[in-house]
């Protein structure tokens, strides 16, 4: 692998020395002037998503990178726009998020960890808001903030379940003690705003609209009242600019923003996607977790906000995931079992049908690995032929660009076919209707509400009825129970709480036991990295 100097990568996009700021020999940020002048392109957008994921990973990012490499190998100067990895999952269960095998973005280790400091800046900005809120309460409480109703949460880019419920300001005259919780930075409203803002000015406006607390009189207190927006913009100055890196083949990639898809909306920044559309005729982007989460939110929240009409969707599947959803235990995954594949197909079939309901063409990419059995591949192929669904065997892990050329050709064919994209719901529909449409039409579940969630939605409807809905639930099932695999029908998902993100312009219903601060597994990835 030979990583090119970043100026050579920039040159492939027609960028000159004044258009980017090198961070290292291999990474750069685009300059504010360049970003501002390249935000109105019309490049076609391809979304990469997946079936319901398993702990083994299905390879969305791998597929996205391999597709970018394949398109360049065919002479198509496309551009890949990806999310930034979060440190928490890197050391938790997932590991890195820069691809694998012969389909990676580089320099992988730097991107997976500190990168250009964007997520650090978000964490600092998030916690500056918290510090100022508590200081205002301590210093005479001029805004008359109700300490029992501080809505803004502290953040950390780490999986740490011990911070889900803490008490602050204990032990003396340092403030009013109160219960507090941390969220992981990539699930914070600040991250959502970074990725949904159209530009720097829109980000500034959205900052001011964040509801940080309730007053003693019950009114909403917004961030603009704290008087710190300019300080926050200083912290976020560079973080608002997309990052330029490359695949291991030297194809250019933009990486910017990193919201979780099980809690936030799970797509890279609109700023980066709009920039990519002005630099390339074909843009590839990826939405996190399964299509019921990342893809639904991309199609229902990101596209309407950013004025994006996707031309094609790639739905990623693996035989291992099909067998797990078909009832095979982990210990038996290596055994040949086409019957389990046939049972597990129900999961990918539901995702496919859901995606087609948005009016976009879909191709299924079956990530092929050396341990896969031909009888299982045949079982999947027979089903696809029966349904007349286009599928491609992709070998990006083993072969890089060459292994994804068939997928690239399939995508090129689909983007030239008519797309009748439309969101699942209209913004003008009532909030209850939006929630229920997602639950019934995407999850195929009924929905119940706690008394408090029911009351909150009724209250939010009065002033925020036109907001988007960003569901927070387990990524491991169509339901809110991670143990229910496959494609269960007639289950009920439970809305236990609802949070209002005024800056992001969406409502967040929390389903089941979903947490906004993940925990580490019994054996974290950090431990598996070894010790001296």
Protein backbone atom coordinates (compact mmCIF):
# COMPACT_ATOMS: atom_id res chain seq x y z
CA UNK A 1 0.00 0.00 0.00
CA UNK A 2 1.37 3.41 -0.99
CA UNK A 3 -0.43 6.39 0.53
CA UNK A 4 -0.23 9.44 -1.69
CA UNK A 5 0.63 12.93 -0.46
CA UNK A 6 -2.63 14.77 0.14
CA UNK A 7 -1.86 17.40 -2.51
CA UNK A 8 -1.85 14.65 -5.15
CA UNK A 9 -5.24 13.42 -3.92
CA UNK A 10 -6.58 16.99 -3.97
CA UNK A 11 -5.26 17.38 -7.51
CA UNK A 12 -7.45 14.50 -8.66
CA UNK A 13 -10.46 16.67 -7.75
CA UNK A 14 -9.01 19.75 -9.42
CA UNK A 15 -8.09 21.44 -6.14
CA UNK A 16 -5.17 23.84 -5.93
CA UNK A 17 -2.94 24.68 -2.92
CA UNK A 18 -5.27 27.48 -1.76
CA UNK A 19 -8.29 25.13 -1.62
CA UNK A 20 -7.17 22.91 1.25
CA UNK A 21 -5.24 23.00 4.53
CA UNK A 22 -2.92 20.01 5.14
CA UNK A 23 -3.18 18.52 8.64
CA UNK A 24 -0.51 15.91 7.96
CA UNK A 25 1.13 14.69 4.78
CA UNK A 26 -1.91 12.44 4.23
CA UNK A 27 -4.93 14.43 5.52
CA UNK A 28 -6.39 17.86 4.89
CA UNK A 29 -9.36 20.11 5.52
CA UNK A 30 -11.02 22.04 2.74
CA UNK A 31 -10.83 25.82 3.19
CA UNK A 32 -13.90 27.86 4.18
CA UNK A 33 -13.87 29.77 0.88
CA UNK A 34 -13.70 26.57 -1.16
CA UNK A 35 -16.53 24.94 0.80
CA UNK A 36 -18.67 28.08 0.52
CA UNK A 37 -18.22 28.27 -3.25
CA UNK A 38 -18.89 24.55 -3.91
CA UNK A 39 -22.25 23.78 -2.31
CA UNK A 40 -24.72 23.71 -5.19
CA UNK A 41 -23.73 20.72 -7.33
CA UNK A 42 -26.04 18.21 -8.98
CA UNK A 43 -24.01 15.01 -8.76
CA UNK A 44 -26.14 11.88 -8.42
CA UNK A 45 -26.25 10.29 -4.95
CA UNK A 46 -25.92 6.57 -4.19
CA UNK A 47 -26.79 5.43 -0.67
CA UNK A 48 -25.18 2.32 0.85
CA UNK A 49 -27.14 0.62 3.64
CA UNK A 50 -27.57 -2.93 4.98
CA UNK A 51 -29.78 -5.64 6.39
CA UNK A 52 -30.20 -5.82 10.18
CA UNK A 53 -26.60 -5.97 11.46
CA UNK A 54 -24.91 -8.55 13.63
CA UNK A 55 -21.86 -8.28 15.86
CA UNK A 56 -19.73 -9.55 12.97
CA UNK A 57 -20.44 -6.53 10.78
CA UNK A 58 -21.92 -6.72 7.31
CA UNK A 59 -19.45 -4.40 5.60
CA UNK A 60 -21.33 -1.23 4.59
CA UNK A 61 -18.22 0.93 4.86
CA UNK A 62 -16.14 -1.79 3.21
CA UNK A 63 -18.62 -1.91 0.33
CA UNK A 64 -18.76 1.88 0.03
CA UNK A 65 -14.98 2.10 -0.19
CA UNK A 66 -14.67 -0.82 -2.62
CA UNK A 67 -17.35 0.76 -4.81
CA UNK A 68 -15.44 4.05 -4.88
CA UNK A 69 -12.23 2.21 -5.81
CA UNK A 70 -14.04 0.22 -8.50
CA UNK A 71 -15.61 3.29 -10.09
CA UNK A 72 -12.22 5.00 -10.32
CA UNK A 73 -10.69 1.84 -11.79
CA UNK A 74 -13.39 2.05 -14.50
CA UNK A 75 -12.56 5.68 -15.20
CA UNK A 76 -15.52 7.18 -13.32
CA UNK A 77 -14.34 10.01 -11.07
CA UNK A 78 -16.88 9.54 -8.30
CA UNK A 79 -16.52 10.85 -4.76
CA UNK A 80 -17.16 8.99 -1.51
CA UNK A 81 -18.56 10.92 1.49
CA UNK A 82 -18.36 9.03 4.81
CA UNK A 83 -18.96 9.61 8.50
CA UNK A 84 -16.09 9.96 10.96
CA UNK A 85 -15.49 7.01 13.31
CA UNK A 86 -16.16 7.47 17.03
CA UNK A 87 -13.50 6.44 19.51
CA UNK A 88 -16.07 4.73 21.78
CA UNK A 89 -16.96 1.94 19.33
CA UNK A 90 -13.31 1.63 18.21
CA UNK A 91 -12.41 0.47 21.73
CA UNK A 92 -15.79 -1.14 22.39
CA UNK A 93 -17.27 -3.88 20.24
CA UNK A 94 -17.13 -2.61 16.68
CA UNK A 95 -13.47 -1.78 16.24
CA UNK A 96 -12.50 0.67 13.49
CA UNK A 97 -14.77 2.17 10.85
CA UNK A 98 -12.39 2.69 7.97
CA UNK A 99 -13.07 -0.49 5.99
CA UNK A 100 -10.90 -3.60 5.93
CA UNK A 101 -8.89 -5.88 3.70
CA UNK A 102 -8.20 -4.26 0.33
CA UNK A 103 -10.91 -1.64 0.77
CA UNK A 104 -9.84 0.91 3.37
CA UNK A 105 -9.52 4.66 3.74
CA UNK A 106 -6.16 5.94 4.85
CA UNK A 107 -4.46 6.72 7.16
CA UNK A 108 -6.77 4.28 8.95
CA UNK A 109 -5.39 4.52 12.48
CA UNK A 110 -5.40 8.32 12.53
CA UNK A 111 -8.95 8.46 11.12
CA UNK A 112 -10.21 5.91 13.66
CA UNK A 113 -8.73 7.81 16.59
CA UNK A 114 -8.07 11.57 16.84
CA UNK A 115 -8.25 12.35 13.09
CA UNK A 116 -8.38 16.15 12.68
CA UNK A 117 -9.97 16.75 16.07
CA UNK A 118 -13.59 17.29 14.94
CA UNK A 119 -15.18 15.04 17.56
CA UNK A 120 -12.90 16.46 20.26
CA UNK A 121 -14.13 19.95 19.29
CA UNK A 122 -17.74 18.77 19.50
CA UNK A 123 -17.13 17.26 22.95
CA UNK A 124 -15.52 20.49 24.19
CA UNK A 125 -18.33 22.64 22.77
CA UNK A 126 -20.98 20.35 24.25
CA UNK A 127 -19.43 20.50 27.70
CA UNK A 128 -18.85 24.26 27.53
CA UNK A 129 -22.63 24.60 27.21
CA UNK A 130 -23.11 22.40 30.30
CA UNK A 131 -20.50 24.33 32.29
CA UNK A 132 -22.12 27.67 31.46
CA UNK A 133 -25.59 26.38 32.38
CA UNK A 134 -24.44 25.19 35.81
CA UNK A 135 -22.37 28.32 36.34
CA UNK A 136 -25.38 30.50 35.54
CA UNK A 137 -27.42 28.63 38.15
CA UNK A 138 -24.57 29.01 40.69
CA UNK A 139 -24.04 32.72 39.98
CA UNK A 140 -27.49 33.88 41.06
CA UNK A 141 -29.50 32.13 38.33
CA UNK A 142 -30.32 35.26 36.27
CA UNK A 143 -32.14 33.18 33.62
CA UNK A 144 -34.25 31.52 36.34
CA UNK A 145 -33.30 28.04 35.15
CA UNK A 146 -35.07 25.21 36.93
CA UNK A 147 -32.20 22.96 38.17
CA UNK A 148 -34.55 19.97 38.05
CA UNK A 149 -35.23 20.53 34.34
CA UNK A 150 -31.84 21.02 32.70
CA UNK A 151 -32.33 19.39 29.29
CA UNK A 152 -28.78 19.65 27.96
CA UNK A 153 -26.54 16.63 28.64
CA UNK A 154 -22.80 16.42 29.06
CA UNK A 155 -20.95 14.34 26.44
CA UNK A 156 -17.94 12.08 26.07
CA UNK A 157 -16.66 10.18 23.04
CA UNK A 158 -16.33 6.91 24.91
CA UNK A 159 -18.55 3.94 25.78
CA UNK A 160 -18.98 4.35 29.54
CA UNK A 161 -22.21 3.05 31.09
CA UNK A 162 -21.20 4.38 34.53
CA UNK A 163 -21.97 7.89 33.27
CA UNK A 164 -25.59 7.15 32.42
CA UNK A 165 -26.74 8.31 35.84
CA UNK A 166 -24.50 10.50 37.99
CA UNK A 167 -24.85 13.26 40.59
CA UNK A 168 -22.95 16.50 40.15
CA UNK A 169 -22.03 19.44 42.43
CA UNK A 170 -21.75 17.29 45.56
CA UNK A 171 -19.56 18.07 48.54
CA UNK A 172 -19.78 21.74 49.43
CA UNK A 173 -20.66 25.17 48.07
CA UNK A 174 -19.96 24.42 44.42
CA UNK A 175 -23.48 24.52 43.07
CA UNK A 176 -26.85 22.87 43.40
CA UNK A 177 -26.49 19.07 43.44
CA UNK A 178 -28.59 17.40 40.75
CA UNK A 179 -28.86 14.21 38.74
CA UNK A 180 -27.06 14.26 35.40
CA UNK A 181 -26.39 11.89 32.53
CA UNK A 182 -23.78 11.82 29.79
CA UNK A 183 -24.45 10.99 26.16
CA UNK A 184 -21.82 9.72 23.78
CA UNK A 185 -20.70 12.69 21.67
CA UNK A 186 -21.81 11.15 18.40
CA UNK A 187 -25.38 10.82 19.74
CA UNK A 188 -25.54 14.44 20.90
CA UNK A 189 -27.76 17.11 19.41
CA UNK A 190 -24.64 19.12 18.62
CA UNK A 191 -23.39 16.33 16.34
CA UNK A 192 -26.81 16.14 14.69
CA UNK A 193 -26.78 19.88 14.06
CA UNK A 194 -23.27 19.74 12.57
CA UNK A 195 -24.44 17.12 10.11
CA UNK A 196 -27.81 18.69 9.24
CA UNK A 197 -26.67 22.30 8.88
CA UNK A 198 -26.51 23.54 5.29
CA UNK A 199 -23.61 25.89 6.00
CA UNK A 200 -21.84 27.84 8.73
CA UNK A 201 -24.68 30.36 9.04
CA UNK A 202 -27.30 27.64 9.36
CA UNK A 203 -25.20 25.95 12.05
CA UNK A 204 -25.07 29.25 13.98
CA UNK A 205 -28.86 29.66 13.77
CA UNK A 206 -29.51 26.09 14.87
CA UNK A 207 -27.15 26.52 17.83
CA UNK A 208 -29.25 29.37 19.12
CA UNK A 209 -32.44 27.32 18.84
CA UNK A 210 -31.28 24.48 21.12
CA UNK A 211 -33.54 24.16 24.17
CA UNK A 212 -31.04 23.76 27.02
CA UNK A 213 -33.40 23.89 30.01
CA UNK A 214 -36.81 24.84 31.32
CA UNK A 215 -37.32 27.96 33.41
CA UNK A 216 -38.89 28.08 36.85
CA UNK A 217 -42.02 29.31 35.04
CA UNK A 218 -41.97 26.31 32.66
CA UNK A 219 -40.82 28.21 29.57
CA UNK A 220 -38.10 26.82 27.30
CA UNK A 221 -34.69 28.45 27.72
CA UNK A 222 -32.64 28.44 24.51
CA UNK A 223 -28.90 28.45 23.99
CA UNK A 224 -28.96 31.94 22.46
CA UNK A 225 -29.88 33.24 25.94
CA UNK A 226 -26.59 31.93 27.37
CA UNK A 227 -24.62 34.38 25.21
CA UNK A 228 -21.96 31.85 24.16
CA UNK A 229 -22.65 31.21 20.48
CA UNK A 230 -19.54 33.09 19.35
CA UNK A 231 -17.39 31.13 21.80
CA UNK A 232 -18.88 27.89 20.48
CA UNK A 233 -18.20 28.96 16.88
CA UNK A 234 -14.56 29.55 17.80
CA UNK A 235 -14.35 25.97 19.11
CA UNK A 236 -16.13 24.62 16.03
CA UNK A 237 -14.38 26.72 13.36
CA UNK A 238 -12.31 23.90 11.83
CA UNK A 239 -14.76 21.14 12.76
CA UNK A 240 -17.30 22.65 10.34
CA UNK A 241 -14.97 21.95 7.41
CA UNK A 242 -14.97 18.55 5.62
CA UNK A 243 -11.82 16.41 5.71
CA UNK A 244 -10.08 15.03 2.63
CA UNK A 245 -8.42 11.59 2.74
CA UNK A 246 -8.05 8.68 0.29
CA UNK A 247 -8.68 5.00 -0.29
CA UNK A 248 -5.67 2.71 -0.30
CA UNK A 249 -5.86 2.94 -4.11
CA UNK A 250 -5.56 6.73 -3.95
CA UNK A 251 -9.19 7.59 -4.78
CA UNK A 252 -10.36 10.73 -2.93
CA UNK A 253 -12.76 10.55 0.02
CA UNK A 254 -14.50 13.21 2.11
CA UNK A 255 -15.00 12.28 5.79
CA UNK A 256 -17.06 14.60 7.98
CA UNK A 257 -19.41 14.23 10.93
CA UNK A 258 -20.34 11.01 12.67
CA UNK A 259 -23.83 10.75 14.21
CA UNK A 260 -24.91 7.35 15.54
CA UNK A 261 -27.78 5.85 13.55
CA UNK A 262 -29.50 4.06 16.42
CA UNK A 263 -29.91 7.31 18.38
CA UNK A 264 -29.18 10.20 16.01
CA UNK A 265 -29.71 10.22 12.24
CA UNK A 266 -26.61 8.29 11.17
CA UNK A 267 -25.35 10.11 8.06
CA UNK A 268 -22.31 12.22 7.25
CA UNK A 269 -22.69 16.00 7.02
CA UNK A 270 -24.92 17.65 4.43
CA UNK A 271 -22.10 20.18 4.00
CA UNK A 272 -19.78 17.39 2.79
CA UNK A 273 -22.42 15.75 0.61
CA UNK A 274 -23.30 19.04 -1.10
CA UNK A 275 -19.60 19.71 -1.62
CA UNK A 276 -19.12 16.23 -3.09
CA UNK A 277 -22.04 16.77 -5.50
CA UNK A 278 -20.29 19.87 -6.85
CA UNK A 279 -17.00 18.00 -7.38
CA UNK A 280 -18.21 14.71 -8.88
CA UNK A 281 -21.03 13.49 -11.11
CA UNK A 282 -21.58 10.48 -8.81
CA UNK A 283 -21.47 10.60 -5.00
CA UNK A 284 -21.48 7.55 -2.71
CA UNK A 285 -22.55 7.90 0.91
CA UNK A 286 -23.42 5.48 3.70
CA UNK A 287 -26.06 5.42 6.43
CA UNK A 288 -25.34 3.63 9.70
CA UNK A 289 -26.70 0.32 11.01
CA UNK A 290 -29.58 -1.40 9.16
CA UNK A 291 -31.89 0.19 6.60
CA UNK A 292 -34.66 0.51 9.21
CA UNK A 293 -32.50 3.07 11.02
CA UNK A 294 -29.81 4.84 8.99
CA UNK A 295 -31.47 4.57 5.59
CA UNK A 296 -34.93 5.54 6.86
CA UNK A 297 -33.45 8.62 8.55
CA UNK A 298 -31.36 9.50 5.50
CA UNK A 299 -34.41 9.28 3.25
CA UNK A 300 -36.84 10.96 5.67
CA UNK A 301 -34.61 13.58 7.37
CA UNK A 302 -31.35 14.18 5.48
CA UNK A 303 -32.69 14.22 1.93
CA UNK A 304 -35.53 16.72 2.55
CA UNK A 305 -33.21 18.93 4.63
CA UNK A 306 -30.37 18.91 2.10
CA UNK A 307 -32.47 18.96 -1.05
CA UNK A 308 -31.14 15.54 -2.06
CA UNK A 309 -32.98 13.07 -4.30
CA UNK A 310 -31.05 9.77 -4.23
CA UNK A 311 -30.65 7.93 -7.53
CA UNK A 312 -29.91 4.45 -6.19
CA UNK A 313 -29.54 2.40 -2.99
CA UNK A 314 -27.08 -0.46 -2.40
CA UNK A 315 -28.37 -2.93 0.23
CA UNK A 316 -25.53 -4.95 1.77
CA UNK A 317 -26.00 -8.53 3.01
CA UNK A 318 -23.78 -11.39 4.11
CA UNK A 319 -24.43 -15.13 4.35
CA UNK A 320 -23.32 -15.10 7.99
CA UNK A 321 -25.97 -12.50 8.84
CA UNK A 322 -28.60 -14.38 6.84
CA UNK A 323 -27.87 -17.55 8.82
CA UNK A 324 -28.00 -15.73 12.15
CA UNK A 325 -31.37 -14.25 11.23
CA UNK A 326 -32.37 -17.72 10.11
CA UNK A 327 -31.84 -19.09 13.61
CA UNK A 328 -28.30 -20.51 13.46
CA UNK A 329 -26.30 -20.09 16.71
CA UNK A 330 -22.87 -18.47 16.56
CA UNK A 331 -21.08 -21.77 17.13
CA UNK A 332 -22.57 -23.28 13.97
CA UNK A 333 -22.12 -20.37 11.57
CA UNK A 334 -19.28 -22.05 9.69
CA UNK A 335 -21.38 -25.08 8.83
CA UNK A 336 -23.07 -25.33 5.43
CA UNK A 337 -26.76 -24.51 5.90
CA UNK A 338 -28.69 -23.24 2.85
CA UNK A 339 -32.00 -23.82 4.67
CA UNK A 340 -31.02 -21.25 7.31
CA UNK A 341 -30.06 -18.82 4.56
CA UNK A 342 -33.53 -19.26 3.06
CA UNK A 343 -35.12 -18.52 6.47
CA UNK A 344 -32.90 -15.49 7.03
CA UNK A 345 -33.78 -14.03 3.65
CA UNK A 346 -36.98 -12.68 5.23
CA UNK A 347 -34.88 -10.02 6.93
CA UNK A 348 -33.14 -8.69 3.83
CA UNK A 349 -36.36 -9.01 1.83
CA UNK A 350 -38.18 -6.71 4.25
CA UNK A 351 -35.41 -4.14 4.04
CA UNK A 352 -35.51 -4.35 0.25
CA UNK A 353 -39.28 -3.87 0.12
CA UNK A 354 -39.06 -0.96 2.57
CA UNK A 355 -36.44 0.79 0.47
CA UNK A 356 -38.42 0.29 -2.74
CA UNK A 357 -41.39 1.95 -1.02
CA UNK A 358 -39.39 5.21 -1.08
CA UNK A 359 -39.41 5.03 -4.88
CA UNK A 360 -35.68 4.44 -5.39
CA UNK A 361 -33.98 1.66 -7.40
CA UNK A 362 -32.19 -0.90 -5.18
CA UNK A 363 -29.43 -3.43 -5.84
CA UNK A 364 -28.38 -6.02 -3.24
CA UNK A 365 -24.66 -6.50 -2.72
CA UNK A 366 -23.86 -9.87 -1.15
CA UNK A 367 -20.45 -9.52 0.46
CA UNK A 368 -18.66 -12.76 -0.38
CA UNK A 369 -15.95 -14.24 1.83
CA UNK A 370 -13.66 -17.28 1.47
CA UNK A 371 -15.59 -19.35 4.04
CA UNK A 372 -18.94 -18.94 2.21
CA UNK A 373 -20.52 -22.09 0.79
CA UNK A 374 -21.61 -22.21 -2.85
CA UNK A 375 -24.91 -23.92 -1.95
CA UNK A 376 -25.78 -20.94 0.28
CA UNK A 377 -24.89 -18.43 -2.43
CA UNK A 378 -27.06 -20.41 -4.84
CA UNK A 379 -29.98 -20.36 -2.38
CA UNK A 380 -29.76 -16.59 -2.16
CA UNK A 381 -29.43 -16.23 -5.92
CA UNK A 382 -32.48 -18.42 -6.58
CA UNK A 383 -34.57 -16.27 -4.24
CA UNK A 384 -33.41 -13.07 -5.94
CA UNK A 385 -34.20 -14.52 -9.36
CA UNK A 386 -37.67 -15.54 -8.14
CA UNK A 387 -38.31 -11.98 -6.94
CA UNK A 388 -36.54 -10.42 -9.95
CA UNK A 389 -34.28 -8.53 -7.57
CA UNK A 390 -30.86 -7.44 -8.88
CA UNK A 391 -28.02 -8.90 -6.80
CA UNK A 392 -24.25 -8.73 -7.14
CA UNK A 393 -21.54 -10.79 -5.44
CA UNK A 394 -18.97 -8.33 -4.13
CA UNK A 395 -15.44 -9.28 -3.05
CA UNK A 396 -14.10 -5.93 -1.93
CA UNK A 397 -12.37 -7.38 1.12
CA UNK A 398 -10.29 -9.84 -0.87
CA UNK A 399 -9.88 -7.99 -4.17
CA UNK A 400 -10.54 -4.30 -3.61
CA UNK A 401 -11.51 -2.43 -6.77
CA UNK A 402 -11.55 -5.56 -8.95
CA UNK A 403 -13.89 -7.31 -6.52
CA UNK A 404 -16.45 -4.49 -6.72
CA UNK A 405 -16.44 -3.73 -10.43
CA UNK A 406 -19.61 -5.73 -11.06
CA UNK A 407 -21.33 -3.72 -8.33
CA UNK A 408 -20.01 -0.51 -9.89
CA UNK A 409 -21.49 -1.47 -13.25
CA UNK A 410 -24.82 -2.33 -11.62
CA UNK A 411 -24.88 1.05 -9.87
CA UNK A 412 -24.03 2.89 -13.09
CA UNK A 413 -26.96 1.13 -14.74
CA UNK A 414 -29.38 1.98 -11.95
CA UNK A 415 -28.50 5.67 -11.58
CA UNK A 416 -29.55 6.18 -15.19
CA UNK A 417 -33.00 4.69 -14.53
CA UNK A 418 -35.82 6.93 -13.25
CA UNK A 419 -35.96 7.45 -9.48
CA UNK A 420 -39.29 8.42 -8.01
CA UNK A 421 -37.90 9.16 -4.56
CA UNK A 422 -40.29 10.43 -1.93
CA UNK A 423 -40.09 10.46 1.89
CA UNK A 424 -42.23 8.09 3.94
CA UNK A 425 -44.17 10.93 5.52
CA UNK A 426 -44.91 14.61 4.95
CA UNK A 427 -43.60 17.12 7.48
CA UNK A 428 -47.10 18.51 7.77
CA UNK A 429 -48.44 15.22 9.18
CA UNK A 430 -49.01 15.13 12.98
CA UNK A 431 -46.14 13.85 15.10
CA UNK A 432 -48.15 10.83 16.25
CA UNK A 433 -48.82 9.94 12.62
CA UNK A 434 -45.12 10.15 11.72
CA UNK A 435 -44.11 7.91 14.63
CA UNK A 436 -46.79 5.35 13.82
CA UNK A 437 -45.99 5.29 10.11
CA UNK A 438 -42.35 4.46 10.82
CA UNK A 439 -43.35 1.76 13.33
CA UNK A 440 -46.04 0.15 11.18
CA UNK A 441 -44.60 0.59 7.68
CA UNK A 442 -40.86 0.15 8.33
CA UNK A 443 -40.70 -2.02 11.48
CA UNK A 444 -44.09 -3.73 10.80
CA UNK A 445 -44.85 -3.30 14.52
CA UNK A 446 -47.60 -1.81 16.61
CA UNK A 447 -46.65 1.03 18.94
CA UNK A 448 -47.45 1.85 22.56
CA UNK A 449 -46.53 4.93 24.62
CA UNK A 450 -45.72 5.53 28.26
CA UNK A 451 -47.93 8.16 29.90
CA UNK A 452 -45.09 10.69 29.95
CA UNK A 453 -44.17 10.07 26.28
CA UNK A 454 -47.81 10.46 25.30
CA UNK A 455 -48.08 13.75 27.17
CA UNK A 456 -44.81 15.07 25.74
CA UNK A 457 -45.76 14.38 22.12
CA UNK A 458 -49.10 16.12 22.64
CA UNK A 459 -47.26 19.12 24.08
CA UNK A 460 -44.62 19.22 21.32
CA UNK A 461 -47.33 19.01 18.65
CA UNK A 462 -48.47 22.53 19.56
CA UNK A 463 -45.26 24.28 18.47
CA UNK A 464 -43.15 21.65 16.71
CA UNK A 465 -45.62 19.54 14.77
CA UNK A 466 -43.65 19.99 11.54
CA UNK A 467 -40.44 18.47 12.97
CA UNK A 468 -38.91 15.26 11.66
CA UNK A 469 -38.98 12.09 13.77
CA UNK A 470 -35.64 10.45 14.59
CA UNK A 471 -36.32 7.07 16.22
CA UNK A 472 -33.90 5.73 18.84
CA UNK A 473 -33.97 1.95 19.14
CA UNK A 474 -31.81 -1.14 19.09
CA UNK A 475 -30.11 -1.70 15.72
CA UNK A 476 -30.20 -5.48 16.18
CA UNK A 477 -33.87 -6.06 15.39
CA UNK A 478 -36.81 -4.56 13.55
CA UNK A 479 -38.42 -4.47 17.01
CA UNK A 480 -37.17 -2.80 20.20
CA UNK A 481 -36.02 -6.21 21.50
CA UNK A 482 -32.50 -7.04 20.22
CA UNK A 483 -33.14 -10.78 20.64
CA UNK A 484 -35.93 -10.90 18.06
CA UNK A 485 -34.14 -11.69 14.82
CA UNK A 486 -35.37 -12.18 11.28
CA UNK A 487 -38.50 -10.29 10.26
CA UNK A 488 -41.02 -10.58 13.11
CA UNK A 489 -44.61 -9.47 12.49
CA UNK A 490 -47.22 -8.03 14.85
CA UNK A 491 -44.82 -7.14 17.67
CA UNK A 492 -45.24 -3.96 19.70
CA UNK A 493 -42.50 -1.35 20.16
CA UNK A 494 -42.67 0.78 23.29
CA UNK A 495 -41.99 4.53 23.31
CA UNK A 496 -40.79 5.10 26.88
CA UNK A 497 -39.50 8.67 26.53
CA UNK A 498 -39.40 11.50 24.00
CA UNK A 499 -36.75 14.19 23.62
CA UNK A 500 -37.03 17.39 21.63
CA UNK A 501 -34.00 18.56 19.61
CA UNK A 502 -35.03 22.06 18.54
CA UNK A 503 -31.71 22.86 16.89
CA UNK A 504 -31.77 19.64 14.88
CA UNK A 505 -35.49 20.15 14.14
CA UNK A 506 -36.47 16.63 15.13
CA UNK A 507 -38.21 14.67 17.84
CA UNK A 508 -36.40 11.65 19.33
CA UNK A 509 -38.70 8.87 20.63
CA UNK A 510 -36.68 6.41 22.76
CA UNK A 511 -37.89 2.85 22.19
CA UNK A 512 -37.48 -0.02 24.65
CA UNK A 513 -34.23 0.01 26.61
CA UNK A 514 -32.12 2.04 24.17
CA UNK A 515 -29.42 4.09 25.93
CA UNK A 516 -27.81 7.33 24.74
CA UNK A 517 -24.52 6.28 26.36
CA UNK A 518 -23.34 2.81 25.24
CA UNK A 519 -21.48 0.42 27.51
CA UNK A 520 -18.45 -1.75 26.84
CA UNK A 521 -18.88 -5.49 26.16
CA UNK A 522 -17.47 -8.11 28.53
CA UNK A 523 -14.26 -8.21 26.50
CA UNK A 524 -13.80 -4.77 24.86
CA UNK A 525 -11.92 -4.35 21.60
CA UNK A 526 -9.39 -2.30 23.60
CA UNK A 527 -8.44 -5.45 25.54
CA UNK A 528 -8.19 -7.50 22.35
CA UNK A 529 -5.54 -5.10 21.05
CA UNK A 530 -3.10 -6.77 23.42
CA UNK A 531 -0.73 -5.53 26.10
CA UNK A 532 3.00 -5.29 26.48
